[in-house]
Amino acid sequence: MAGETVLRPPPSPAAARALAEADARRAEIDARANAIAATREKQGRGGLEPVRYADWEVKGIAVDF
């Protein structure tokens, strides 16, 4: 069965709206992350900014505030 294509019915109008809203939110988050990445902090941390998903990470623990 590996590699077979599964035919699925088209999503309902409500599901299609939900998928479109999720794509819009994801695009907004990515745009905000790109804006943050464009401005470098002085002596900031390396890697991806934790504020991408509106949370902060301290010693490996993400907290939402």
Protein backbone atom coordinates (compact mmCIF):
# COMPACT_ATOMS: atom_id res chain seq x y z
CA MET A 1 0.00 0.00 0.00
CA ALA A 2 2.98 2.34 0.27
CA GLY A 3 3.05 4.88 -2.52
CA GLU A 4 -0.62 4.52 -3.42
CA THR A 5 -2.68 7.66 -3.92
CA VAL A 6 -5.74 7.91 -1.70
CA LEU A 7 -8.68 9.69 -3.29
CA ARG A 8 -10.49 11.92 -0.85
CA PRO A 9 -13.68 13.89 -1.30
CA PRO A 10 -13.28 17.67 -1.50
CA PRO A 11 -13.42 19.45 1.87
CA SER A 12 -16.70 20.90 3.05
CA PRO A 13 -17.12 24.70 2.79
CA ALA A 14 -16.48 25.03 6.54
CA ALA A 15 -13.30 22.94 6.30
CA ALA A 16 -12.11 24.95 3.30
CA ARG A 17 -12.66 28.21 5.25
CA ALA A 18 -10.77 26.80 8.24
CA LEU A 19 -7.85 25.75 6.03
CA ALA A 20 -7.77 29.19 4.39
CA GLU A 21 -7.81 30.89 7.82
CA ALA A 22 -4.98 28.65 9.03
CA ASP A 23 -2.93 29.48 5.93
CA ALA A 24 -3.53 33.20 6.53
CA ARG A 25 -2.47 32.92 10.19
CA ARG A 26 0.63 30.94 9.20
CA ALA A 27 1.53 33.58 6.58
CA GLU A 28 1.06 36.33 9.19
CA ILE A 29 3.34 34.50 11.64
CA ASP A 30 5.99 33.99 8.95
CA ALA A 31 5.80 37.66 7.93
CA ARG A 32 6.24 38.72 11.55
CA ALA A 33 9.18 36.32 11.91
CA ASN A 34 10.80 37.74 8.77
CA ALA A 35 10.36 41.28 10.08
CA ILE A 36 11.95 40.29 13.38
CA ALA A 37 14.78 38.48 11.60
CA ALA A 38 15.49 41.56 9.48
CA THR A 39 16.35 43.60 12.58
CA ARG A 40 19.29 42.18 14.49
CA GLU A 41 19.55 42.58 18.24
CA LYS A 42 22.78 43.77 19.76
CA GLN A 43 24.22 40.77 21.58
CA GLY A 44 20.99 38.85 20.88
CA ARG A 45 20.66 35.09 20.99
CA GLY A 46 21.49 33.00 17.93
CA GLY A 47 19.05 30.92 15.93
CA LEU A 48 15.36 31.41 15.32
CA GLU A 49 13.59 34.02 17.39
CA PRO A 50 11.30 32.41 19.96
CA VAL A 51 8.74 35.20 19.54
CA ARG A 52 7.77 33.66 16.20
CA TYR A 53 4.91 31.84 17.88
CA ALA A 54 4.29 34.56 20.50
CA ASP A 55 6.09 32.66 23.23
CA TRP A 56 9.49 32.86 24.86
CA GLU A 57 11.96 30.16 25.70
CA VAL A 58 14.13 30.22 28.81
CA LYS A 59 16.56 27.35 29.37
CA GLY A 60 14.65 25.13 26.96
CA ILE A 61 11.20 25.79 28.46
CA ALA A 62 8.74 27.71 26.28
CA VAL A 63 6.32 29.93 28.12
CA ASP A 64 3.36 31.75 26.63
CA PHE A 65 2.77 35.25 27.91
